N, C-alpha and C. Protein backbone atom coordinates (compact mmCIF):
# COMPACT_ATOMS: atom_id res chain seq x y z
N UNK A 1 0.85 -1.19 0.00
CA UNK A 1 0.00 0.00 0.00
C UNK A 1 0.89 1.24 0.00
N UNK A 2 0.52 2.22 -0.82
CA UNK A 2 1.28 3.45 -0.87
C UNK A 2 1.32 4.09 0.51
N UNK A 3 2.53 4.56 0.91
CA UNK A 3 2.70 5.09 2.26
C UNK A 3 1.81 6.30 2.52
N UNK A 4 1.67 7.18 1.55
CA UNK A 4 0.83 8.37 1.75
C UNK A 4 -0.61 7.96 2.04
N UNK A 5 -1.10 6.96 1.32
CA UNK A 5 -2.47 6.50 1.53
C UNK A 5 -2.62 5.87 2.91
N UNK A 6 -1.61 5.13 3.33
CA UNK A 6 -1.66 4.51 4.66
C UNK A 6 -1.68 5.58 5.74
N UNK A 7 -0.87 6.61 5.57
CA UNK A 7 -0.85 7.69 6.57
C UNK A 7 -2.20 8.39 6.64
N UNK A 8 -2.82 8.61 5.49
CA UNK A 8 -4.14 9.24 5.48
C UNK A 8 -5.15 8.38 6.22
N UNK A 9 -5.15 7.08 5.93
CA UNK A 9 -6.10 6.17 6.56
C UNK A 9 -5.89 6.11 8.07
N UNK A 10 -4.64 6.03 8.50
CA UNK A 10 -4.36 5.92 9.93
C UNK A 10 -4.71 7.21 10.66
N UNK A 11 -4.45 8.36 10.03
CA UNK A 11 -4.81 9.63 10.66
C UNK A 11 -6.32 9.75 10.77
N UNK A 12 -7.04 9.38 9.72
CA UNK A 12 -8.50 9.46 9.74
C UNK A 12 -9.07 8.54 10.82
N UNK A 13 -8.50 7.33 10.95
CA UNK A 13 -8.98 6.38 11.96
C UNK A 13 -8.72 6.91 13.36
N UNK A 14 -7.55 7.52 13.56
CA UNK A 14 -7.21 8.09 14.87
C UNK A 14 -8.18 9.23 15.21
N UNK A 15 -8.47 10.08 14.25
CA UNK A 15 -9.39 11.20 14.48
C UNK A 15 -10.78 10.69 14.83
N UNK A 16 -11.21 9.64 14.15
CA UNK A 16 -12.52 9.07 14.45
C UNK A 16 -12.55 8.49 15.86
N UNK A 17 -11.50 7.76 16.22
CA UNK A 17 -11.45 7.12 17.54
C UNK A 17 -11.50 8.15 18.66
N UNK A 18 -10.75 9.25 18.50
CA UNK A 18 -10.66 10.24 19.57
C UNK A 18 -11.56 11.46 19.35
N UNK A 19 -12.45 11.34 18.33
CA UNK A 19 -13.44 12.39 18.07
C UNK A 19 -12.77 13.75 17.86
N UNK A 20 -11.75 13.77 17.02
CA UNK A 20 -11.02 15.00 16.71
C UNK A 20 -11.37 15.47 15.30
N UNK A 21 -11.43 16.77 15.13
CA UNK A 21 -11.71 17.37 13.83
C UNK A 21 -10.40 17.78 13.15
N UNK A 22 -10.50 18.15 11.88
CA UNK A 22 -9.32 18.65 11.19
C UNK A 22 -8.81 19.94 11.84
N UNK A 23 -9.71 20.72 12.37
CA UNK A 23 -9.31 21.94 13.08
C UNK A 23 -8.52 21.59 14.34
N UNK A 24 -8.95 20.56 15.06
CA UNK A 24 -8.22 20.11 16.26
C UNK A 24 -6.79 19.70 15.89
N UNK A 25 -6.67 18.93 14.81
CA UNK A 25 -5.36 18.46 14.37
C UNK A 25 -4.49 19.64 13.95
N UNK A 26 -5.06 20.56 13.20
CA UNK A 26 -4.31 21.72 12.74
C UNK A 26 -3.80 22.56 13.91
N UNK A 27 -4.66 22.77 14.90
CA UNK A 27 -4.27 23.57 16.07
C UNK A 27 -3.15 22.90 16.85
N UNK A 28 -3.28 21.59 17.08
CA UNK A 28 -2.27 20.86 17.86
C UNK A 28 -0.92 20.86 17.17
N UNK A 29 -0.92 20.76 15.84
CA UNK A 29 0.33 20.65 15.08
C UNK A 29 0.82 21.99 14.55
N UNK A 30 0.11 23.07 14.89
CA UNK A 30 0.48 24.41 14.42
C UNK A 30 0.53 24.46 12.89
N UNK A 31 -0.52 23.90 12.29
CA UNK A 31 -0.67 23.91 10.84
C UNK A 31 -1.97 24.63 10.49
N UNK A 32 -2.10 25.03 9.25
CA UNK A 32 -3.35 25.67 8.84
C UNK A 32 -4.42 24.60 8.62
N UNK A 33 -5.66 25.00 8.80
CA UNK A 33 -6.78 24.07 8.59
C UNK A 33 -6.81 23.59 7.14
N UNK A 34 -6.50 24.48 6.21
CA UNK A 34 -6.52 24.11 4.79
C UNK A 34 -5.42 23.10 4.46
N UNK A 35 -4.26 23.22 5.12
CA UNK A 35 -3.16 22.28 4.89
C UNK A 35 -3.56 20.87 5.33
N UNK A 36 -4.17 20.78 6.52
CA UNK A 36 -4.60 19.47 7.02
C UNK A 36 -5.66 18.88 6.10
N UNK A 37 -6.57 19.72 5.63
CA UNK A 37 -7.61 19.25 4.72
C UNK A 37 -7.02 18.64 3.45
N UNK A 38 -5.97 19.28 2.93
CA UNK A 38 -5.33 18.79 1.70
C UNK A 38 -4.64 17.44 1.90
N UNK A 39 -4.22 17.15 3.13
CA UNK A 39 -3.56 15.86 3.39
C UNK A 39 -4.47 14.68 3.08
N UNK A 40 -5.77 14.90 3.10
CA UNK A 40 -6.72 13.82 2.86
C UNK A 40 -7.09 13.68 1.38
N UNK A 41 -6.50 14.50 0.53
CA UNK A 41 -6.72 14.39 -0.91
C UNK A 41 -5.81 13.28 -1.46
N UNK A 42 -6.36 12.34 -2.23
CA UNK A 42 -5.55 11.21 -2.74
C UNK A 42 -4.32 11.64 -3.52
N UNK A 43 -4.42 12.77 -4.21
CA UNK A 43 -3.29 13.21 -5.03
C UNK A 43 -2.25 13.99 -4.23
N UNK A 44 -2.55 14.27 -2.97
CA UNK A 44 -1.67 15.10 -2.15
C UNK A 44 -0.52 14.27 -1.56
N UNK A 45 0.69 14.84 -1.57
CA UNK A 45 1.84 14.19 -0.96
C UNK A 45 1.74 14.29 0.56
N UNK A 46 1.89 13.17 1.24
CA UNK A 46 1.85 13.11 2.71
C UNK A 46 3.21 12.56 3.14
N UNK A 47 4.16 13.46 3.35
CA UNK A 47 5.54 13.06 3.52
C UNK A 47 5.96 12.69 4.93
N UNK A 48 7.20 12.23 5.01
CA UNK A 48 7.80 11.78 6.27
C UNK A 48 7.82 12.89 7.31
N UNK A 49 8.25 14.08 6.93
CA UNK A 49 8.37 15.19 7.88
C UNK A 49 7.02 15.54 8.48
N UNK A 50 6.00 15.60 7.64
CA UNK A 50 4.65 15.92 8.12
C UNK A 50 4.12 14.82 9.04
N UNK A 51 4.35 13.57 8.68
CA UNK A 51 3.88 12.45 9.49
C UNK A 51 4.50 12.48 10.88
N UNK A 52 5.82 12.71 10.95
CA UNK A 52 6.48 12.73 12.26
C UNK A 52 6.01 13.94 13.09
N UNK A 53 5.78 15.07 12.43
CA UNK A 53 5.32 16.26 13.14
C UNK A 53 3.94 16.02 13.74
N UNK A 54 3.06 15.39 12.97
CA UNK A 54 1.71 15.10 13.47
C UNK A 54 1.75 14.11 14.62
N UNK A 55 2.58 13.08 14.50
CA UNK A 55 2.68 12.09 15.58
C UNK A 55 3.14 12.74 16.88
N UNK A 56 4.12 13.62 16.78
CA UNK A 56 4.62 14.30 17.98
C UNK A 56 3.55 15.22 18.56
N UNK A 57 2.91 16.00 17.71
CA UNK A 57 1.91 16.96 18.18
C UNK A 57 0.68 16.27 18.77
N UNK A 58 0.33 15.10 18.23
CA UNK A 58 -0.87 14.40 18.66
C UNK A 58 -0.57 13.28 19.66
N UNK A 59 0.69 13.23 20.13
CA UNK A 59 1.11 12.25 21.14
C UNK A 59 0.90 10.81 20.68
N UNK A 60 1.15 10.57 19.40
CA UNK A 60 1.10 9.21 18.86
C UNK A 60 2.47 8.57 19.03
N UNK A 61 2.55 7.24 19.08
CA UNK A 61 3.86 6.59 19.05
C UNK A 61 4.58 6.94 17.76
N UNK A 62 5.91 7.00 17.81
CA UNK A 62 6.69 7.28 16.62
C UNK A 62 6.40 6.23 15.54
N UNK A 63 6.20 6.71 14.32
CA UNK A 63 5.90 5.87 13.15
C UNK A 63 4.51 5.24 13.19
N UNK A 64 3.65 5.75 14.07
CA UNK A 64 2.28 5.22 14.15
C UNK A 64 1.55 5.36 12.82
N UNK A 65 1.70 6.51 12.17
CA UNK A 65 0.98 6.75 10.92
C UNK A 65 1.48 5.84 9.79
N UNK A 66 2.70 5.34 9.92
CA UNK A 66 3.25 4.46 8.89
C UNK A 66 2.86 3.00 9.09
N UNK A 67 2.36 2.66 10.29
CA UNK A 67 2.14 1.27 10.64
C UNK A 67 0.90 0.68 10.00
N UNK A 68 0.87 -0.65 9.97
CA UNK A 68 -0.28 -1.37 9.46
C UNK A 68 -1.26 -1.55 10.60
N UNK A 69 -2.15 -0.58 10.79
CA UNK A 69 -3.09 -0.64 11.89
C UNK A 69 -4.16 -1.70 11.67
N UNK A 70 -4.14 -2.30 10.48
CA UNK A 70 -5.07 -3.39 10.21
C UNK A 70 -4.47 -4.76 10.48
N UNK A 71 -3.26 -4.78 11.05
CA UNK A 71 -2.61 -6.05 11.37
C UNK A 71 -3.38 -6.78 12.46
N UNK A 72 -3.12 -8.09 12.66
CA UNK A 72 -3.83 -8.83 13.70
C UNK A 72 -3.73 -8.13 15.04
N UNK A 73 -4.84 -8.10 15.77
CA UNK A 73 -4.88 -7.40 17.04
C UNK A 73 -3.91 -8.04 18.03
N UNK A 74 -3.30 -7.18 18.86
CA UNK A 74 -2.40 -7.69 19.89
C UNK A 74 -3.16 -8.48 20.94
N UNK A 75 -4.45 -8.17 21.11
CA UNK A 75 -5.24 -8.75 22.19
C UNK A 75 -6.41 -9.53 21.61
N UNK A 76 -6.76 -10.63 22.27
CA UNK A 76 -7.89 -11.44 21.83
C UNK A 76 -8.92 -11.56 22.96
N UNK A 77 -10.19 -11.53 22.58
CA UNK A 77 -11.25 -11.77 23.55
C UNK A 77 -11.34 -13.27 23.83
N UNK A 78 -11.67 -13.63 25.07
CA UNK A 78 -11.79 -15.04 25.42
C UNK A 78 -12.64 -15.18 26.67
N UNK A 79 -13.24 -16.35 26.84
CA UNK A 79 -14.01 -16.65 28.04
C UNK A 79 -13.32 -17.71 28.88
N UNK A 80 -12.82 -18.74 28.19
CA UNK A 80 -12.05 -19.80 28.85
C UNK A 80 -10.79 -20.01 28.02
N UNK A 81 -9.71 -20.52 28.63
CA UNK A 81 -8.45 -20.70 27.89
C UNK A 81 -8.60 -21.50 26.60
N UNK A 82 -9.56 -22.42 26.54
CA UNK A 82 -9.74 -23.22 25.32
C UNK A 82 -10.18 -22.38 24.13
N UNK A 83 -10.65 -21.14 24.39
CA UNK A 83 -11.04 -20.25 23.30
C UNK A 83 -9.82 -19.78 22.50
N UNK A 84 -8.65 -19.84 23.11
CA UNK A 84 -7.44 -19.28 22.52
C UNK A 84 -6.66 -20.33 21.74
N UNK A 85 -6.10 -19.90 20.62
CA UNK A 85 -5.28 -20.80 19.81
C UNK A 85 -4.03 -21.18 20.58
N UNK A 86 -3.74 -22.47 20.75
CA UNK A 86 -2.60 -22.90 21.56
C UNK A 86 -1.28 -22.31 21.06
N UNK A 87 -0.48 -21.82 21.99
CA UNK A 87 0.85 -21.31 21.67
C UNK A 87 0.89 -19.93 21.06
N UNK A 88 -0.27 -19.33 20.81
CA UNK A 88 -0.30 -18.03 20.14
C UNK A 88 -0.40 -16.88 21.14
N UNK A 89 -1.09 -17.12 22.26
CA UNK A 89 -1.37 -16.04 23.20
C UNK A 89 -0.76 -16.30 24.58
N UNK A 90 -0.43 -15.19 25.25
CA UNK A 90 0.02 -15.22 26.64
C UNK A 90 -1.01 -14.48 27.48
N UNK A 91 -1.39 -15.06 28.61
CA UNK A 91 -2.35 -14.41 29.50
C UNK A 91 -1.60 -13.47 30.44
N UNK A 92 -2.00 -12.20 30.41
CA UNK A 92 -1.35 -11.17 31.22
C UNK A 92 -2.31 -10.73 32.32
N UNK A 93 -1.89 -10.77 33.57
CA UNK A 93 -2.80 -10.40 34.67
C UNK A 93 -3.25 -8.95 34.58
N UNK A 94 -4.53 -8.76 34.87
CA UNK A 94 -5.10 -7.41 34.95
C UNK A 94 -5.36 -7.11 36.41
N UNK A 95 -4.78 -6.02 36.87
CA UNK A 95 -4.86 -5.66 38.29
C UNK A 95 -5.63 -4.36 38.43
N UNK A 96 -6.59 -4.33 39.32
CA UNK A 96 -7.38 -3.12 39.52
C UNK A 96 -6.63 -2.17 40.45
N UNK A 97 -5.64 -1.51 39.86
CA UNK A 97 -4.92 -0.42 40.51
C UNK A 97 -5.06 0.78 39.60
N UNK A 98 -5.54 1.87 40.12
CA UNK A 98 -5.76 3.06 39.30
C UNK A 98 -4.45 3.79 39.08
N UNK A 99 -4.13 4.05 37.80
CA UNK A 99 -3.01 4.91 37.47
C UNK A 99 -3.58 6.29 37.17
N UNK A 100 -3.18 7.27 37.93
CA UNK A 100 -3.76 8.59 37.77
C UNK A 100 -3.12 9.33 36.61
N UNK A 101 -3.97 9.75 35.65
CA UNK A 101 -3.55 10.70 34.63
C UNK A 101 -4.08 12.04 35.09
N UNK A 102 -3.56 12.47 36.21
CA UNK A 102 -3.98 13.70 36.86
C UNK A 102 -2.92 14.06 37.88
N UNK A 103 -3.34 14.41 39.07
CA UNK A 103 -2.38 14.82 40.09
C UNK A 103 -1.96 13.68 41.00
N UNK A 104 -2.45 12.47 40.72
CA UNK A 104 -2.04 11.32 41.52
C UNK A 104 -3.20 10.74 42.31
N UNK A 105 -3.16 9.43 42.52
CA UNK A 105 -4.18 8.80 43.34
C UNK A 105 -3.50 7.83 44.30
N UNK A 106 -4.11 7.64 45.44
CA UNK A 106 -3.54 6.81 46.49
C UNK A 106 -3.94 5.36 46.25
N UNK A 107 -2.97 4.46 46.32
CA UNK A 107 -3.24 3.03 46.17
C UNK A 107 -3.68 2.48 47.52
N UNK A 108 -4.90 1.98 47.57
CA UNK A 108 -5.40 1.42 48.82
C UNK A 108 -5.41 -0.10 48.79
N UNK A 109 -5.66 -0.68 47.60
CA UNK A 109 -5.67 -2.13 47.50
C UNK A 109 -5.50 -2.53 46.03
N UNK A 110 -5.14 -3.78 45.83
CA UNK A 110 -5.01 -4.33 44.49
C UNK A 110 -5.95 -5.52 44.36
N UNK A 111 -6.74 -5.53 43.29
CA UNK A 111 -7.66 -6.63 43.03
C UNK A 111 -7.31 -7.27 41.70
N UNK A 112 -7.23 -8.60 41.69
CA UNK A 112 -6.96 -9.31 40.45
C UNK A 112 -8.25 -9.47 39.65
N UNK A 113 -8.20 -9.10 38.37
CA UNK A 113 -9.33 -9.23 37.46
C UNK A 113 -8.97 -10.26 36.39
N UNK A 114 -9.94 -10.71 35.59
CA UNK A 114 -9.61 -11.67 34.52
C UNK A 114 -8.50 -11.14 33.62
N UNK A 115 -7.52 -11.97 33.29
CA UNK A 115 -6.38 -11.51 32.49
C UNK A 115 -6.77 -11.23 31.04
N UNK A 116 -5.88 -10.52 30.34
CA UNK A 116 -6.04 -10.28 28.91
C UNK A 116 -5.07 -11.18 28.15
N UNK A 117 -5.47 -11.57 26.95
CA UNK A 117 -4.65 -12.46 26.12
C UNK A 117 -3.94 -11.65 25.05
N UNK A 118 -2.60 -11.63 25.11
CA UNK A 118 -1.78 -10.91 24.13
C UNK A 118 -1.03 -11.91 23.26
N UNK A 119 -0.90 -11.59 22.00
CA UNK A 119 -0.17 -12.45 21.07
C UNK A 119 1.31 -12.51 21.46
N UNK A 120 1.88 -13.73 21.45
CA UNK A 120 3.30 -13.89 21.76
C UNK A 120 4.17 -13.12 20.77
N UNK A 121 3.84 -13.18 19.47
CA UNK A 121 4.69 -12.51 18.48
C UNK A 121 4.66 -11.00 18.66
N UNK A 122 3.52 -10.47 19.07
CA UNK A 122 3.42 -9.02 19.31
C UNK A 122 4.27 -8.64 20.53
N UNK A 123 4.22 -9.44 21.57
CA UNK A 123 5.02 -9.16 22.77
C UNK A 123 6.51 -9.20 22.45
N UNK A 124 6.92 -10.12 21.58
CA UNK A 124 8.32 -10.20 21.19
C UNK A 124 8.74 -8.94 20.44
N UNK A 125 7.87 -8.42 19.60
CA UNK A 125 8.17 -7.19 18.87
C UNK A 125 8.36 -6.02 19.82
N UNK A 126 7.67 -6.06 20.96
CA UNK A 126 7.77 -4.99 21.95
C UNK A 126 8.97 -5.16 22.88
N UNK A 127 9.73 -6.25 22.68
CA UNK A 127 10.94 -6.50 23.47
C UNK A 127 10.65 -6.52 24.97
N UNK A 128 9.62 -7.25 25.37
CA UNK A 128 9.29 -7.33 26.79
C UNK A 128 10.43 -8.01 27.54
N UNK A 129 10.63 -7.61 28.77
CA UNK A 129 11.73 -8.18 29.55
C UNK A 129 11.42 -9.62 29.97
N UNK A 130 10.18 -9.87 30.35
CA UNK A 130 9.72 -11.22 30.72
C UNK A 130 8.21 -11.18 30.89
N UNK A 131 7.55 -12.26 30.54
CA UNK A 131 6.09 -12.30 30.66
C UNK A 131 5.65 -12.02 32.09
N UNK A 132 6.41 -12.49 33.07
CA UNK A 132 6.03 -12.31 34.47
C UNK A 132 6.04 -10.83 34.89
N UNK A 133 6.69 -9.98 34.07
CA UNK A 133 6.77 -8.55 34.41
C UNK A 133 5.62 -7.73 33.83
N UNK A 134 4.70 -8.36 33.11
CA UNK A 134 3.63 -7.63 32.44
C UNK A 134 2.40 -7.50 33.34
N UNK A 135 1.80 -6.31 33.30
CA UNK A 135 0.58 -6.03 34.05
C UNK A 135 -0.33 -5.15 33.21
N UNK A 136 -1.63 -5.39 33.29
CA UNK A 136 -2.62 -4.51 32.67
C UNK A 136 -3.29 -3.71 33.78
N UNK A 137 -3.27 -2.39 33.64
CA UNK A 137 -3.81 -1.49 34.66
C UNK A 137 -4.79 -0.52 34.01
N UNK A 138 -5.49 0.25 34.84
CA UNK A 138 -6.51 1.18 34.37
C UNK A 138 -6.08 2.62 34.62
N UNK A 139 -6.32 3.47 33.63
CA UNK A 139 -6.01 4.90 33.73
C UNK A 139 -7.23 5.65 34.24
N UNK A 140 -7.00 6.60 35.13
CA UNK A 140 -8.08 7.48 35.59
C UNK A 140 -7.62 8.92 35.49
N UNK A 141 -8.45 9.76 34.89
CA UNK A 141 -8.12 11.18 34.76
C UNK A 141 -7.90 11.58 33.32
N UNK A 142 -7.67 12.89 33.12
CA UNK A 142 -7.60 13.44 31.77
C UNK A 142 -6.27 14.09 31.43
N UNK A 143 -5.27 14.00 32.29
CA UNK A 143 -4.05 14.77 32.06
C UNK A 143 -3.22 14.23 30.90
N UNK A 144 -3.47 12.98 30.47
CA UNK A 144 -2.70 12.42 29.36
C UNK A 144 -3.51 12.37 28.07
N UNK A 145 -4.66 13.03 28.05
CA UNK A 145 -5.44 13.09 26.80
C UNK A 145 -4.71 13.96 25.78
N UNK A 146 -4.78 13.63 24.48
CA UNK A 146 -5.61 12.57 23.90
C UNK A 146 -4.93 11.21 23.81
N UNK A 147 -3.67 11.12 24.25
CA UNK A 147 -2.96 9.84 24.12
C UNK A 147 -3.59 8.77 25.00
N UNK A 148 -3.91 9.12 26.24
CA UNK A 148 -4.58 8.21 27.15
C UNK A 148 -5.86 8.87 27.65
N UNK A 149 -6.95 8.15 27.53
CA UNK A 149 -8.24 8.67 27.97
C UNK A 149 -8.63 8.04 29.30
N UNK A 150 -9.54 8.71 30.00
CA UNK A 150 -10.05 8.18 31.26
C UNK A 150 -10.64 6.79 31.05
N UNK A 151 -10.26 5.85 31.90
CA UNK A 151 -10.73 4.45 31.88
C UNK A 151 -10.03 3.61 30.82
N UNK A 152 -9.03 4.14 30.14
CA UNK A 152 -8.25 3.32 29.21
C UNK A 152 -7.52 2.21 29.98
N UNK A 153 -7.29 1.09 29.29
CA UNK A 153 -6.43 0.04 29.83
C UNK A 153 -5.03 0.22 29.25
N UNK A 154 -4.02 -0.06 30.06
CA UNK A 154 -2.63 0.05 29.60
C UNK A 154 -1.86 -1.20 29.99
N UNK A 155 -0.93 -1.59 29.13
CA UNK A 155 -0.02 -2.71 29.43
C UNK A 155 1.32 -2.12 29.85
N UNK A 156 1.77 -2.53 31.02
CA UNK A 156 3.02 -2.03 31.59
C UNK A 156 4.02 -3.17 31.72
N UNK A 157 5.27 -2.91 31.32
CA UNK A 157 6.36 -3.85 31.55
C UNK A 157 7.15 -3.36 32.76
N UNK A 158 6.98 -4.05 33.90
CA UNK A 158 7.64 -3.61 35.13
C UNK A 158 9.15 -3.82 35.10
N UNK A 159 9.63 -4.57 34.11
CA UNK A 159 11.07 -4.78 33.98
C UNK A 159 11.77 -3.64 33.26
N UNK A 160 11.00 -2.73 32.68
CA UNK A 160 11.58 -1.59 31.96
C UNK A 160 11.44 -0.34 32.83
N UNK A 161 12.44 -0.12 33.65
CA UNK A 161 12.41 1.01 34.58
C UNK A 161 13.42 2.10 34.22
N UNK A 162 14.31 1.80 33.27
CA UNK A 162 15.26 2.82 32.84
C UNK A 162 14.55 3.82 31.94
N UNK A 163 14.68 5.09 32.26
CA UNK A 163 13.90 6.12 31.58
C UNK A 163 14.50 6.45 30.22
N UNK A 164 13.65 6.35 29.18
CA UNK A 164 13.98 6.81 27.84
C UNK A 164 13.19 8.09 27.61
N UNK A 165 13.88 9.13 27.20
CA UNK A 165 13.26 10.45 27.10
C UNK A 165 11.97 10.44 26.31
N UNK A 166 10.95 11.01 26.92
CA UNK A 166 9.63 11.25 26.32
C UNK A 166 8.77 10.00 26.20
N UNK A 167 9.20 8.88 26.77
CA UNK A 167 8.33 7.71 26.82
C UNK A 167 7.39 7.83 28.02
N UNK A 168 6.35 6.99 28.04
CA UNK A 168 5.33 7.06 29.09
C UNK A 168 5.56 5.93 30.09
N UNK A 169 5.51 6.29 31.37
CA UNK A 169 5.79 5.33 32.44
C UNK A 169 4.74 5.43 33.54
N UNK A 170 4.52 4.30 34.20
CA UNK A 170 3.78 4.30 35.46
C UNK A 170 4.80 4.54 36.56
N UNK A 171 4.47 5.47 37.46
CA UNK A 171 5.41 5.81 38.52
C UNK A 171 4.69 5.85 39.86
N UNK A 172 5.46 5.67 40.91
CA UNK A 172 4.97 5.84 42.27
C UNK A 172 5.74 6.99 42.89
N UNK A 173 5.00 7.91 43.49
CA UNK A 173 5.60 9.08 44.14
C UNK A 173 4.95 9.17 45.51
N UNK A 174 5.66 8.70 46.53
CA UNK A 174 5.05 8.56 47.84
C UNK A 174 4.00 7.46 47.79
N UNK A 175 2.78 7.76 48.22
CA UNK A 175 1.69 6.79 48.17
C UNK A 175 0.86 6.90 46.90
N UNK A 176 1.26 7.78 45.98
CA UNK A 176 0.47 8.02 44.77
C UNK A 176 1.04 7.25 43.58
N UNK A 177 0.14 6.77 42.73
CA UNK A 177 0.55 6.16 41.46
C UNK A 177 0.06 7.05 40.33
N UNK A 178 0.93 7.24 39.34
CA UNK A 178 0.61 8.14 38.23
C UNK A 178 1.14 7.53 36.94
N UNK A 179 0.62 8.01 35.81
CA UNK A 179 1.16 7.62 34.51
C UNK A 179 1.46 8.90 33.75
N UNK A 180 2.74 9.07 33.38
CA UNK A 180 3.20 10.34 32.83
C UNK A 180 4.30 10.11 31.80
N UNK A 181 4.56 11.16 31.05
CA UNK A 181 5.68 11.16 30.11
C UNK A 181 6.90 11.72 30.84
N UNK A 182 8.01 10.99 30.80
CA UNK A 182 9.20 11.37 31.56
C UNK A 182 10.36 11.73 30.65
N UNK A 183 11.15 12.70 31.10
CA UNK A 183 12.38 13.08 30.42
C UNK A 183 13.42 13.44 31.47
N UNK A 184 14.67 13.10 31.18
CA UNK A 184 15.75 13.40 32.11
C UNK A 184 16.21 14.84 31.96
N UNK A 185 16.61 15.43 33.08
CA UNK A 185 17.24 16.75 33.07
C UNK A 185 18.75 16.58 33.06
N UNK A 186 19.44 17.62 32.59
CA UNK A 186 20.90 17.54 32.50
C UNK A 186 21.55 17.42 33.88
N UNK A 187 20.88 17.94 34.92
CA UNK A 187 21.47 17.92 36.25
C UNK A 187 21.15 16.65 37.03
N UNK A 188 20.52 15.66 36.35
CA UNK A 188 20.17 14.43 37.03
C UNK A 188 18.75 14.42 37.57
N UNK A 189 18.05 15.52 37.39
CA UNK A 189 16.65 15.59 37.80
C UNK A 189 15.73 15.00 36.74
N UNK A 190 14.47 15.32 36.84
CA UNK A 190 13.48 14.68 35.98
C UNK A 190 12.37 15.67 35.63
N UNK A 191 11.92 15.62 34.38
CA UNK A 191 10.72 16.34 33.97
C UNK A 191 9.56 15.34 33.94
N UNK A 192 8.44 15.70 34.55
CA UNK A 192 7.21 14.91 34.49
C UNK A 192 6.22 15.72 33.67
N UNK A 193 5.77 15.14 32.54
CA UNK A 193 4.94 15.90 31.62
C UNK A 193 3.60 15.20 31.37
N UNK A 194 2.57 16.01 31.20
CA UNK A 194 1.25 15.54 30.81
C UNK A 194 1.02 15.94 29.36
N UNK A 195 0.29 15.11 28.61
CA UNK A 195 -0.01 15.46 27.22
C UNK A 195 -1.10 16.52 27.13
N UNK A 196 -1.95 16.57 28.14
CA UNK A 196 -2.98 17.60 28.21
C UNK A 196 -2.32 18.90 28.66
N UNK A 197 -2.36 19.91 27.81
CA UNK A 197 -1.63 21.15 28.09
C UNK A 197 -2.21 21.94 29.26
N UNK A 198 -3.36 21.51 29.76
CA UNK A 198 -3.93 22.18 30.93
C UNK A 198 -3.16 21.85 32.20
N UNK A 199 -2.32 20.82 32.13
CA UNK A 199 -1.53 20.40 33.29
C UNK A 199 -0.09 20.85 33.10
N UNK A 200 0.45 21.63 34.03
CA UNK A 200 1.81 22.15 33.87
C UNK A 200 2.88 21.07 34.03
N UNK A 201 4.00 21.31 33.40
CA UNK A 201 5.16 20.43 33.54
C UNK A 201 5.70 20.51 34.97
N UNK A 202 6.16 19.38 35.47
CA UNK A 202 6.79 19.34 36.79
C UNK A 202 8.29 19.08 36.60
N UNK A 203 9.10 19.88 37.26
CA UNK A 203 10.55 19.73 37.20
C UNK A 203 11.05 19.29 38.57
N UNK A 204 11.60 18.09 38.64
CA UNK A 204 12.09 17.55 39.91
C UNK A 204 13.60 17.68 39.99
N UNK A 205 14.09 18.07 41.13
CA UNK A 205 15.52 18.14 41.37
C UNK A 205 16.09 16.73 41.48
N UNK A 206 17.42 16.58 41.41
CA UNK A 206 18.01 15.24 41.60
C UNK A 206 17.59 14.61 42.93
N UNK A 207 17.46 15.43 43.97
CA UNK A 207 17.06 14.90 45.27
C UNK A 207 15.61 14.42 45.24
N UNK A 208 14.74 15.19 44.62
CA UNK A 208 13.33 14.79 44.51
C UNK A 208 13.17 13.54 43.64
N UNK A 209 14.02 13.43 42.63
CA UNK A 209 13.95 12.28 41.72
C UNK A 209 14.20 10.97 42.46
N UNK A 210 14.97 11.03 43.53
CA UNK A 210 15.24 9.83 44.32
C UNK A 210 13.98 9.27 44.96
N UNK A 211 12.95 10.11 45.09
CA UNK A 211 11.70 9.67 45.70
C UNK A 211 10.76 9.02 44.69
N UNK A 212 11.11 9.10 43.40
CA UNK A 212 10.29 8.51 42.34
C UNK A 212 10.66 7.04 42.14
N UNK A 213 9.66 6.18 42.08
CA UNK A 213 9.89 4.78 41.73
C UNK A 213 9.18 4.49 40.41
N UNK A 214 9.95 4.10 39.42
CA UNK A 214 9.38 3.79 38.11
C UNK A 214 8.81 2.37 38.17
N UNK A 215 7.50 2.27 37.99
CA UNK A 215 6.82 0.98 38.08
C UNK A 215 6.89 0.19 36.79
N UNK A 216 7.06 0.89 35.66
CA UNK A 216 7.14 0.19 34.39
C UNK A 216 6.85 1.12 33.23
N UNK A 217 7.22 0.65 32.04
CA UNK A 217 7.05 1.44 30.82
C UNK A 217 5.79 0.99 30.08
N UNK A 218 5.10 1.95 29.50
CA UNK A 218 3.88 1.67 28.74
C UNK A 218 4.21 1.00 27.41
N UNK A 219 3.53 -0.13 27.13
CA UNK A 219 3.72 -0.85 25.87
C UNK A 219 2.49 -0.80 24.97
N UNK A 220 1.31 -0.63 25.57
CA UNK A 220 0.06 -0.76 24.80
C UNK A 220 -1.03 -0.02 25.56
N UNK A 221 -2.01 0.48 24.80
CA UNK A 221 -3.14 1.15 25.41
C UNK A 221 -4.39 0.85 24.61
N UNK A 222 -5.52 0.88 25.27
CA UNK A 222 -6.80 0.64 24.58
C UNK A 222 -7.92 1.28 25.37
N UNK A 223 -8.89 1.86 24.63
CA UNK A 223 -10.04 2.48 25.28
C UNK A 223 -11.19 1.50 25.38
């Protein structure tokens, strides 16, 4: 499939999923409304630079617009293990712990819920550290919109605690659990960022950073 056509299809599908208009996209990416409109014309060039700019502005994973979003789903619905094709899926525990996409929430208890089934080949592509390190958790709040919406499910790899700039992590800060975009500061501190611009950036000193515990890196999300 022509790459420009794939980018158009993936952008349109993303806009439909998150109920965004062309004006919303144009505003977020600092582009004109007419320019965004032209991107959906079959004869229009939809280049690499524009795709990466849109992904960054709209908080999409890098190369999201280039991907085959019609590929087999990472997750399968099931009622009993016999519903799943043998050797194809791994059952990942789902834990009812709220990850705050806001100012933080206090963890009072953890409840085990029915696990989700993820394809083994998809997990390998994500370079998971070990199946035992995977957890599915729930997001609460709006600070990570539009990338993460309230009540979204997220897959976290607890073995990935080393911070890669601008990736999304579940963190514990005191008694609070949060899910945020993290970046390192030159002085050894940390920036905690929300995708929702209504929430200000937090800059932690090296001393404050010692109080942060990285619970895991985000691998997957679903509404």
